[in-house]
Amino acid sequence: MNNTFNVAQSLAENGIKVYPLSPGSKIPVASSHGEHDATNNPDTIKSWFNYNPNFNLAINLQASGLAVIDLDKHNNTTDGVQNYSKYLLNHGNNYMDSLKTYTELTPRGGVHIFYKLNHDLGNKDIQLMPGVELLTGKVTIAPSFIDKFNKGYIAQYQGYQTLSRENVQPLPDWIIELATEAQQHTTKPAAQGNYQPGQKRWTGRLLDELVHGAPKGDRNNYLTQLTGKMFHVGADSDSIYNLLAFANSNCEPPLPDNEINSIFGSILKKNGGH
């Protein structure tokens, strides 16, 4: 058994519900149900790591009563760590005190800040500011860091302690207010529905397709074509998977996670991925 299994055991003992990811990725295990398989049952968790000791690990945040502030850095164009730090500094010590909670580093220089959540904010990611999201659905925890080596990745758990109820503070009211405002601002006014400045280019049409969704019967074809287009424009595979999940959320009803994983894996393989 490796260190990730030990982390899973410790989380389960704290009532935190976890589920396995494919080795070296954020993708749920093939034929699994993703976050719907999340559990704190020690026997189930042991069986996962007996089957494959190299599984990555994720938390079902909603089922565990947790939330995460996710600070990302995107190709030197958006620095969530810097944006969030400036925001906290501009609002004084009360806001800075919100950092006194369990925190982990993420693969590309970002940060995950954990909180207890006693409010229903749904289970969708909420963008608070550029590079800063409030996660209430799910999050990768172990490994919290993935190092590139040769042609693959090696997983490392970077926590100096293990997440527990004792080292996580409640989500501050000001973050809840910020999230509520952000959700309200994403509601598109009807008058702006057909506003299209300039000539719509290929990328513009692709962005439109991401939010169109598809009805039952057309979902597989819609998501397969969309995934192929995203690989065609050279997007990062992690970004493609996240955008695919977003596009699926707009379908009626969304496809289950295992079908999304199958679509992603098939197109990834066609484009030379593993």
C-alpha atoms as a PDB file:
ATOM      1  CA  MET A   1       0.000   0.000   0.000  1.00  0.00           C
ATOM      2  CA  ASN A   2       1.319   3.458  -0.868  1.00  0.00           C
ATOM      3  CA  ASN A   3       1.001   6.868   0.744  1.00  0.00           C
ATOM      4  CA  THR A   4      -2.158   7.742  -1.189  1.00  0.00           C
ATOM      5  CA  PHE A   5      -3.915   4.768   0.401  1.00  0.00           C
ATOM      6  CA  ASN A   6      -2.823   6.019   3.837  1.00  0.00           C
ATOM      7  CA  VAL A   7      -4.271   9.442   3.012  1.00  0.00           C
ATOM      8  CA  ALA A   8      -7.530   7.818   1.877  1.00  0.00           C
ATOM      9  CA  GLN A   9      -7.756   5.876   5.148  1.00  0.00           C
ATOM     10  CA  SER A  10      -7.146   8.980   7.235  1.00  0.00           C
ATOM     11  CA  LEU A  11      -9.739  11.002   5.317  1.00  0.00           C
ATOM     12  CA  ALA A  12     -12.309   8.215   5.699  1.00  0.00           C
ATOM     13  CA  GLU A  13     -11.703   8.106   9.459  1.00  0.00           C
ATOM     14  CA  ASN A  14     -12.627  11.804   9.496  1.00  0.00           C
ATOM     15  CA  GLY A  15     -15.890  11.115   7.653  1.00  0.00           C
ATOM     16  CA  ILE A  16     -14.596  12.567   4.386  1.00  0.00           C
ATOM     17  CA  LYS A  17     -15.860  10.692   1.322  1.00  0.00           C
ATOM     18  CA  VAL A  18     -13.304   9.814  -1.360  1.00  0.00           C
ATOM     19  CA  TYR A  19     -13.226   8.029  -4.718  1.00  0.00           C
ATOM     20  CA  PRO A  20     -10.431   6.766  -7.001  1.00  0.00           C
ATOM     21  CA  LEU A  21      -9.003   8.415 -10.135  1.00  0.00           C
ATOM     22  CA  SER A  22      -6.993   6.805 -12.902  1.00  0.00           C
ATOM     23  CA  PRO A  23      -3.232   6.814 -12.128  1.00  0.00           C
ATOM     24  CA  GLY A  24      -1.519  10.117 -12.939  1.00  0.00           C
ATOM     25  CA  SER A  25      -4.738  11.922 -13.885  1.00  0.00           C
ATOM     26  CA  LYS A  26      -7.900  13.655 -12.714  1.00  0.00           C
ATOM     27  CA  ILE A  27     -10.081  11.225 -14.679  1.00  0.00           C
ATOM     28  CA  PRO A  28     -12.344   8.786 -12.784  1.00  0.00           C
ATOM     29  CA  VAL A  29     -11.493   5.106 -13.142  1.00  0.00           C
ATOM     30  CA  ALA A  30     -12.966   3.453 -16.242  1.00  0.00           C
ATOM     31  CA  SER A  31     -16.367   1.822 -15.614  1.00  0.00           C
ATOM     32  CA  SER A  32     -16.682   3.684 -12.311  1.00  0.00           C
ATOM     33  CA  HIS A  33     -19.280   6.302 -11.385  1.00  0.00           C
ATOM     34  CA  GLY A  34     -16.809   9.002 -10.368  1.00  0.00           C
ATOM     35  CA  GLU A  35     -17.864  11.100  -7.403  1.00  0.00           C
ATOM     36  CA  HIS A  36     -21.023   9.000  -7.040  1.00  0.00           C
ATOM     37  CA  ASP A  37     -18.761   6.162  -5.792  1.00  0.00           C
ATOM     38  CA  ALA A  38     -17.361   8.335  -3.012  1.00  0.00           C
ATOM     39  CA  THR A  39     -17.326   6.603   0.368  1.00  0.00           C
ATOM     40  CA  ASN A  40     -15.655   6.570   3.779  1.00  0.00           C
ATOM     41  CA  ASN A  41     -16.023   2.786   4.078  1.00  0.00           C
ATOM     42  CA  PRO A  42     -12.512   1.462   4.881  1.00  0.00           C
ATOM     43  CA  ASP A  43     -13.103  -1.953   3.299  1.00  0.00           C
ATOM     44  CA  THR A  44     -14.205  -0.430  -0.013  1.00  0.00           C
ATOM     45  CA  ILE A  45     -11.216   1.915  -0.037  1.00  0.00           C
ATOM     46  CA  LYS A  46      -8.833  -0.960   0.707  1.00  0.00           C
ATOM     47  CA  SER A  47     -10.293  -2.959  -2.192  1.00  0.00           C
ATOM     48  CA  TRP A  48      -9.602  -0.066  -4.602  1.00  0.00           C
ATOM     49  CA  PHE A  49      -5.926   0.115  -3.690  1.00  0.00           C
ATOM     50  CA  ASN A  50      -5.541  -3.660  -3.611  1.00  0.00           C
ATOM     51  CA  TYR A  51      -6.737  -3.599  -7.217  1.00  0.00           C
ATOM     52  CA  ASN A  52      -4.404  -0.749  -8.207  1.00  0.00           C
ATOM     53  CA  PRO A  53      -2.078   0.841  -5.611  1.00  0.00           C
ATOM     54  CA  ASN A  54      -1.316   3.693  -8.041  1.00  0.00           C
ATOM     55  CA  PHE A  55      -4.803   5.176  -8.136  1.00  0.00           C
ATOM     56  CA  ASN A  56      -5.078   8.914  -7.580  1.00  0.00           C
ATOM     57  CA  LEU A  57      -7.670  10.154  -5.087  1.00  0.00           C
ATOM     58  CA  ALA A  58     -10.462  12.729  -5.087  1.00  0.00           C
ATOM     59  CA  ILE A  59     -13.013  13.992  -2.586  1.00  0.00           C
ATOM     60  CA  ASN A  60     -16.743  14.405  -3.111  1.00  0.00           C
ATOM     61  CA  LEU A  61     -16.870  17.810  -1.444  1.00  0.00           C
ATOM     62  CA  GLN A  62     -20.648  18.145  -1.356  1.00  0.00           C
ATOM     63  CA  ALA A  63     -21.087  14.740   0.314  1.00  0.00           C
ATOM     64  CA  SER A  64     -18.328  15.605   2.809  1.00  0.00           C
ATOM     65  CA  GLY A  65     -19.598  19.057   3.776  1.00  0.00           C
ATOM     66  CA  LEU A  66     -16.511  20.797   2.376  1.00  0.00           C
ATOM     67  CA  ALA A  67     -15.612  23.522  -0.104  1.00  0.00           C
ATOM     68  CA  VAL A  68     -12.313  24.530  -1.726  1.00  0.00           C
ATOM     69  CA  ILE A  69     -10.946  27.834  -2.989  1.00  0.00           C
ATOM     70  CA  ASP A  70      -8.941  26.863  -6.089  1.00  0.00           C
ATOM     71  CA  LEU A  71      -6.187  29.304  -7.102  1.00  0.00           C
ATOM     72  CA  ASP A  72      -4.815  28.586 -10.586  1.00  0.00           C
ATOM     73  CA  LYS A  73      -2.032  29.922 -12.780  1.00  0.00           C
ATOM     74  CA  HIS A  74      -2.762  29.760 -16.520  1.00  0.00           C
ATOM     75  CA  ASN A  75       0.243  30.127 -18.852  1.00  0.00           C
ATOM     76  CA  ASN A  76       1.388  33.395 -17.243  1.00  0.00           C
ATOM     77  CA  THR A  77      -1.822  35.132 -18.393  1.00  0.00           C
ATOM     78  CA  THR A  78      -3.960  34.620 -15.303  1.00  0.00           C
ATOM     79  CA  ASP A  79      -2.469  34.329 -11.823  1.00  0.00           C
ATOM     80  CA  GLY A  80      -5.148  33.352  -9.327  1.00  0.00           C
ATOM     81  CA  VAL A  81      -2.661  33.272  -6.442  1.00  0.00           C
ATOM     82  CA  GLN A  82      -1.680  36.874  -7.107  1.00  0.00           C
ATOM     83  CA  ASN A  83      -5.255  38.062  -7.714  1.00  0.00           C
ATOM     84  CA  TYR A  84      -6.567  36.439  -4.537  1.00  0.00           C
ATOM     85  CA  SER A  85      -3.634  37.710  -2.451  1.00  0.00           C
ATOM     86  CA  LYS A  86      -4.242  41.284  -3.619  1.00  0.00           C
ATOM     87  CA  TYR A  87      -7.948  40.964  -2.847  1.00  0.00           C
ATOM     88  CA  LEU A  88      -7.254  39.750   0.699  1.00  0.00           C
ATOM     89  CA  LEU A  89      -4.663  42.456   1.353  1.00  0.00           C
ATOM     90  CA  ASN A  90      -7.098  45.138   0.176  1.00  0.00           C
ATOM     91  CA  HIS A  91      -9.736  43.976   2.670  1.00  0.00           C
ATOM     92  CA  GLY A  92      -7.703  43.801   5.884  1.00  0.00           C
ATOM     93  CA  ASN A  93      -6.906  41.301   8.627  1.00  0.00           C
ATOM     94  CA  ASN A  94     -10.361  39.698   8.856  1.00  0.00           C
ATOM     95  CA  TYR A  95     -10.012  38.494   5.296  1.00  0.00           C
ATOM     96  CA  MET A  96      -6.377  37.441   5.779  1.00  0.00           C
ATOM     97  CA  ASP A  97      -7.448  35.286   8.743  1.00  0.00           C
ATOM     98  CA  SER A  98      -9.387  33.122   6.283  1.00  0.00           C
ATOM     99  CA  LEU A  99      -6.043  31.604   5.238  1.00  0.00           C
ATOM    100  CA  LYS A 100      -5.659  29.917   8.641  1.00  0.00           C
ATOM    101  CA  THR A 101      -7.103  26.651   7.354  1.00  0.00           C
ATOM    102  CA  TYR A 102      -5.862  23.446   5.685  1.00  0.00           C
ATOM    103  CA  THR A 103      -4.133  24.181   2.337  1.00  0.00           C
ATOM    104  CA  GLU A 104      -2.373  22.163  -0.386  1.00  0.00           C
ATOM    105  CA  LEU A 105      -0.192  22.957  -3.382  1.00  0.00           C
ATOM    106  CA  THR A 106      -1.459  21.912  -6.831  1.00  0.00           C
ATOM    107  CA  PRO A 107       0.462  20.673  -9.904  1.00  0.00           C
ATOM    108  CA  ARG A 108       1.137  23.962 -11.738  1.00  0.00           C
ATOM    109  CA  GLY A 109       1.908  26.332  -8.893  1.00  0.00           C
ATOM    110  CA  GLY A 110      -1.665  26.772  -7.694  1.00  0.00           C
ATOM    111  CA  VAL A 111      -3.263  26.326  -4.280  1.00  0.00           C
ATOM    112  CA  HIS A 112      -6.282  24.503  -2.809  1.00  0.00           C
ATOM    113  CA  ILE A 113      -7.689  26.134   0.359  1.00  0.00           C
ATOM    114  CA  PHE A 114     -10.156  23.918   2.264  1.00  0.00           C
ATOM    115  CA  TYR A 115     -13.213  24.986   4.289  1.00  0.00           C
ATOM    116  CA  LYS A 116     -16.225  23.459   6.020  1.00  0.00           C
ATOM    117  CA  LEU A 117     -19.400  24.261   4.109  1.00  0.00           C
ATOM    118  CA  ASN A 118     -22.767  24.628   5.862  1.00  0.00           C
ATOM    119  CA  HIS A 119     -24.541  26.369   2.962  1.00  0.00           C
ATOM    120  CA  ASP A 120     -26.100  24.907  -0.178  1.00  0.00           C
ATOM    121  CA  LEU A 121     -24.228  26.462  -3.099  1.00  0.00           C
ATOM    122  CA  GLY A 122     -24.919  23.563  -5.460  1.00  0.00           C
ATOM    123  CA  ASN A 123     -22.097  21.424  -6.826  1.00  0.00           C
ATOM    124  CA  LYS A 124     -20.795  23.554  -9.696  1.00  0.00           C
ATOM    125  CA  ASP A 125     -17.539  25.500  -9.728  1.00  0.00           C
ATOM    126  CA  ILE A 126     -18.102  29.224  -9.153  1.00  0.00           C
ATOM    127  CA  GLN A 127     -15.579  31.720 -10.543  1.00  0.00           C
ATOM    128  CA  LEU A 128     -15.003  34.423  -7.939  1.00  0.00           C
ATOM    129  CA  MET A 129     -12.373  36.355  -9.906  1.00  0.00           C
ATOM    130  CA  PRO A 130      -9.841  35.545 -12.664  1.00  0.00           C
ATOM    131  CA  GLY A 131      -7.968  32.382 -11.696  1.00  0.00           C
ATOM    132  CA  VAL A 132     -10.015  31.919  -8.499  1.00  0.00           C
ATOM    133  CA  GLU A 133     -12.857  29.386  -8.230  1.00  0.00           C
ATOM    134  CA  LEU A 134     -14.970  28.109  -5.371  1.00  0.00           C
ATOM    135  CA  LEU A 135     -15.303  24.322  -5.723  1.00  0.00           C
ATOM    136  CA  THR A 136     -18.264  22.679  -3.997  1.00  0.00           C
ATOM    137  CA  GLY A 137     -18.619  19.466  -6.030  1.00  0.00           C
ATOM    138  CA  LYS A 138     -15.346  17.551  -6.163  1.00  0.00           C
ATOM    139  CA  VAL A 139     -11.581  18.042  -5.941  1.00  0.00           C
ATOM    140  CA  THR A 140      -8.409  16.014  -6.479  1.00  0.00           C
ATOM    141  CA  ILE A 141      -6.534  15.700  -3.184  1.00  0.00           C
ATOM    142  CA  ALA A 142      -3.974  12.933  -3.443  1.00  0.00           C
ATOM    143  CA  PRO A 143      -1.736  13.361  -5.154  1.00  0.00           C
ATOM    144  CA  SER A 144      -1.983  17.093  -4.709  1.00  0.00           C
ATOM    145  CA  PHE A 145       1.073  17.425  -6.932  1.00  0.00           C
ATOM    146  CA  ILE A 146       2.039  15.633 -10.179  1.00  0.00           C
ATOM    147  CA  ASP A 147       5.640  15.756 -11.452  1.00  0.00           C
ATOM    148  CA  LYS A 148       6.377  15.178 -15.141  1.00  0.00           C
ATOM    149  CA  PHE A 149       9.036  12.573 -15.891  1.00  0.00           C
ATOM    150  CA  ASN A 150      10.124  11.020 -19.197  1.00  0.00           C
ATOM    151  CA  LYS A 151       6.849  10.586 -21.132  1.00  0.00           C
ATOM    152  CA  GLY A 152       4.506  10.293 -18.181  1.00  0.00           C
ATOM    153  CA  TYR A 153       3.727  11.601 -14.732  1.00  0.00           C
ATOM    154  CA  ILE A 154       4.608  10.563 -11.212  1.00  0.00           C
ATOM    155  CA  ALA A 155       2.155  11.318  -8.436  1.00  0.00           C
ATOM    156  CA  GLN A 156       3.257  12.810  -5.166  1.00  0.00           C
ATOM    157  CA  TYR A 157       1.237  13.715  -2.097  1.00  0.00           C
ATOM    158  CA  GLN A 158       2.461  17.124  -0.908  1.00  0.00           C
ATOM    159  CA  GLY A 159       0.463  17.625   2.285  1.00  0.00           C
ATOM    160  CA  TYR A 160       2.514  18.094   5.469  1.00  0.00           C
ATOM    161  CA  GLN A 161      -0.496  16.928   7.424  1.00  0.00           C
ATOM    162  CA  THR A 162      -3.699  15.170   6.422  1.00  0.00           C
ATOM    163  CA  LEU A 163      -6.976  17.000   5.945  1.00  0.00           C
ATOM    164  CA  SER A 164      -9.264  16.595   8.962  1.00  0.00           C
ATOM    165  CA  ARG A 165     -12.228  18.348  10.560  1.00  0.00           C
ATOM    166  CA  GLU A 166      -9.909  19.852  13.171  1.00  0.00           C
ATOM    167  CA  ASN A 167      -7.669  21.782  10.749  1.00  0.00           C
ATOM    168  CA  VAL A 168     -10.414  23.261   8.536  1.00  0.00           C
ATOM    169  CA  GLN A 169     -12.302  26.423   9.421  1.00  0.00           C
ATOM    170  CA  PRO A 170     -15.856  27.271   8.271  1.00  0.00           C
ATOM    171  CA  LEU A 171     -16.246  28.988   4.910  1.00  0.00           C
ATOM    172  CA  PRO A 172     -16.309  32.726   5.728  1.00  0.00           C
ATOM    173  CA  ASP A 173     -19.518  34.673   5.095  1.00  0.00           C
ATOM    174  CA  TRP A 174     -17.730  37.090   2.763  1.00  0.00           C
ATOM    175  CA  ILE A 175     -16.753  34.223   0.438  1.00  0.00           C
ATOM    176  CA  ILE A 176     -20.362  32.991   0.412  1.00  0.00           C
ATOM    177  CA  GLU A 177     -21.501  36.530  -0.472  1.00  0.00           C
ATOM    178  CA  LEU A 178     -18.870  36.728  -3.228  1.00  0.00           C
ATOM    179  CA  ALA A 179     -20.050  33.381  -4.631  1.00  0.00           C
ATOM    180  CA  THR A 180     -23.706  34.433  -4.522  1.00  0.00           C
ATOM    181  CA  GLU A 181     -22.906  37.654  -6.399  1.00  0.00           C
ATOM    182  CA  ALA A 182     -20.849  35.735  -8.967  1.00  0.00           C
ATOM    183  CA  GLN A 183     -23.730  33.319  -9.609  1.00  0.00           C
ATOM    184  CA  GLN A 184     -26.133  36.228 -10.096  1.00  0.00           C
ATOM    185  CA  HIS A 185     -23.784  37.908 -12.567  1.00  0.00           C
ATOM    186  CA  THR A 186     -23.595  34.782 -14.725  1.00  0.00           C
ATOM    187  CA  THR A 187     -27.345  35.037 -15.424  1.00  0.00           C
ATOM    188  CA  LYS A 188     -27.481  36.439 -18.952  1.00  0.00           C
ATOM    189  CA  PRO A 189     -30.011  39.275 -19.509  1.00  0.00           C
ATOM    190  CA  ALA A 190     -32.484  38.464 -22.279  1.00  0.00           C
ATOM    191  CA  ALA A 191     -31.643  41.686 -24.134  1.00  0.00           C
ATOM    192  CA  GLN A 192     -28.058  40.479 -24.630  1.00  0.00           C
ATOM    193  CA  GLY A 193     -29.028  37.072 -26.005  1.00  0.00           C
ATOM    194  CA  ASN A 194     -28.164  37.792 -29.629  1.00  0.00           C
ATOM    195  CA  TYR A 195     -25.384  40.330 -29.181  1.00  0.00           C
ATOM    196  CA  GLN A 196     -22.608  39.333 -31.631  1.00  0.00           C
ATOM    197  CA  PRO A 197     -19.972  42.044 -32.154  1.00  0.00           C
ATOM    198  CA  GLY A 198     -17.997  41.683 -35.386  1.00  0.00           C
ATOM    199  CA  GLN A 199     -17.647  38.538 -37.478  1.00  0.00           C
ATOM    200  CA  LYS A 200     -17.997  35.260 -35.607  1.00  0.00           C
ATOM    201  CA  ARG A 201     -14.874  33.161 -36.168  1.00  0.00           C
ATOM    202  CA  TRP A 202     -14.318  29.400 -35.863  1.00  0.00           C
ATOM    203  CA  THR A 203     -13.243  29.713 -32.223  1.00  0.00           C
ATOM    204  CA  GLY A 204     -16.344  31.764 -31.447  1.00  0.00           C
ATOM    205  CA  ARG A 205     -18.553  29.045 -32.869  1.00  0.00           C
ATOM    206  CA  LEU A 206     -16.664  26.450 -30.785  1.00  0.00           C
ATOM    207  CA  LEU A 207     -17.282  28.468 -27.613  1.00  0.00           C
ATOM    208  CA  ASP A 208     -20.965  28.699 -28.498  1.00  0.00           C
ATOM    209  CA  GLU A 209     -21.108  24.910 -28.911  1.00  0.00           C
ATOM    210  CA  LEU A 210     -19.729  24.433 -25.386  1.00  0.00           C
ATOM    211  CA  VAL A 211     -22.864  25.935 -23.867  1.00  0.00           C
ATOM    212  CA  HIS A 212     -25.472  24.699 -26.346  1.00  0.00           C
ATOM    213  CA  GLY A 213     -25.832  21.198 -24.884  1.00  0.00           C
ATOM    214  CA  ALA A 214     -27.800  18.456 -26.609  1.00  0.00           C
ATOM    215  CA  PRO A 215     -30.977  16.464 -25.953  1.00  0.00           C
ATOM    216  CA  LYS A 216     -31.120  12.754 -25.218  1.00  0.00           C
ATOM    217  CA  GLY A 217     -30.169  10.821 -28.339  1.00  0.00           C
ATOM    218  CA  ASP A 218     -27.754  13.475 -29.647  1.00  0.00           C
ATOM    219  CA  ARG A 219     -25.485  13.762 -26.603  1.00  0.00           C
ATOM    220  CA  ASN A 220     -22.812  11.217 -27.584  1.00  0.00           C
ATOM    221  CA  ASN A 221     -22.380  12.609 -31.083  1.00  0.00           C
ATOM    222  CA  TYR A 222     -22.389  16.214 -29.843  1.00  0.00           C
ATOM    223  CA  LEU A 223     -19.762  15.590 -27.136  1.00  0.00           C
ATOM    224  CA  THR A 224     -17.566  13.412 -29.379  1.00  0.00           C
ATOM    225  CA  GLN A 225     -17.433  16.061 -32.117  1.00  0.00           C
ATOM    226  CA  LEU A 226     -16.836  18.814 -29.559  1.00  0.00           C
ATOM    227  CA  THR A 227     -13.937  16.896 -27.956  1.00  0.00           C
ATOM    228  CA  GLY A 228     -12.341  16.334 -31.370  1.00  0.00           C
ATOM    229  CA  LYS A 229     -12.535  20.050 -32.148  1.00  0.00           C
ATOM    230  CA  MET A 230     -10.897  20.972 -28.844  1.00  0.00           C
ATOM    231  CA  PHE A 231      -8.004  18.597 -29.521  1.00  0.00           C
ATOM    232  CA  HIS A 232      -7.778  20.043 -33.046  1.00  0.00           C
ATOM    233  CA  VAL A 233      -7.131  23.564 -31.723  1.00  0.00           C
ATOM    234  CA  GLY A 234      -4.363  22.213 -29.457  1.00  0.00           C
ATOM    235  CA  ALA A 235      -5.979  22.670 -26.037  1.00  0.00           C
ATOM    236  CA  ASP A 236      -4.362  21.032 -23.005  1.00  0.00           C
ATOM    237  CA  SER A 237      -5.883  17.612 -22.234  1.00  0.00           C
ATOM    238  CA  ASP A 238      -6.793  18.645 -18.660  1.00  0.00           C
ATOM    239  CA  SER A 239      -8.602  21.712 -20.024  1.00  0.00           C
ATOM    240  CA  ILE A 240     -10.387  19.588 -22.622  1.00  0.00           C
ATOM    241  CA  TYR A 241     -11.642  17.149 -19.985  1.00  0.00           C
ATOM    242  CA  ASN A 242     -12.923  19.974 -17.773  1.00  0.00           C
ATOM    243  CA  LEU A 243     -14.624  21.684 -20.733  1.00  0.00           C
ATOM    244  CA  LEU A 244     -16.121  18.361 -21.820  1.00  0.00           C
ATOM    245  CA  ALA A 245     -17.611  17.937 -18.328  1.00  0.00           C
ATOM    246  CA  PHE A 246     -18.964  21.500 -18.533  1.00  0.00           C
ATOM    247  CA  ALA A 247     -20.530  20.868 -21.960  1.00  0.00           C
ATOM    248  CA  ASN A 248     -22.063  17.653 -20.645  1.00  0.00           C
ATOM    249  CA  SER A 249     -23.651  19.561 -17.744  1.00  0.00           C
ATOM    250  CA  ASN A 250     -25.654  21.518 -20.355  1.00  0.00           C
ATOM    251  CA  CYS A 251     -27.109  18.339 -21.880  1.00  0.00           C
ATOM    252  CA  GLU A 252     -30.596  17.115 -20.983  1.00  0.00           C
ATOM    253  CA  PRO A 253     -29.949  14.939 -19.075  1.00  0.00           C
ATOM    254  CA  PRO A 254     -26.126  14.846 -18.723  1.00  0.00           C
ATOM    255  CA  LEU A 255     -24.366  11.610 -19.651  1.00  0.00           C
ATOM    256  CA  PRO A 256     -22.967   9.564 -16.719  1.00  0.00           C
ATOM    257  CA  ASP A 257     -19.279  10.025 -15.890  1.00  0.00           C
ATOM    258  CA  ASN A 258     -18.215   6.649 -17.282  1.00  0.00           C
ATOM    259  CA  GLU A 259     -19.553   7.582 -20.751  1.00  0.00           C
ATOM    260  CA  ILE A 260     -17.762  10.941 -20.611  1.00  0.00           C
ATOM    261  CA  ASN A 261     -14.549   9.133 -19.684  1.00  0.00           C
ATOM    262  CA  SER A 262     -15.025   6.751 -22.615  1.00  0.00           C
ATOM    263  CA  ILE A 263     -15.519   9.626 -25.090  1.00  0.00           C
ATOM    264  CA  PHE A 264     -12.499  11.500 -23.726  1.00  0.00           C
ATOM    265  CA  GLY A 265     -10.278   8.403 -23.669  1.00  0.00           C
ATOM    266  CA  SER A 266     -11.187   7.451 -27.236  1.00  0.00           C
ATOM    267  CA  ILE A 267     -10.429  10.896 -28.695  1.00  0.00           C
ATOM    268  CA  LEU A 268      -7.277  11.214 -26.550  1.00  0.00           C
ATOM    269  CA  LYS A 269      -5.974   7.924 -27.964  1.00  0.00           C
ATOM    270  CA  LYS A 270      -6.697   9.050 -31.536  1.00  0.00           C
ATOM    271  CA  ASN A 271      -4.622  12.166 -30.861  1.00  0.00           C
ATOM    272  CA  GLY A 272      -1.618  10.242 -29.582  1.00  0.00           C
ATOM    273  CA  GLY A 273      -2.371  10.428 -25.862  1.00  0.00           C
ATOM    274  CA  HIS A 274      -2.387   7.628 -23.298  1.00  0.00           C
END
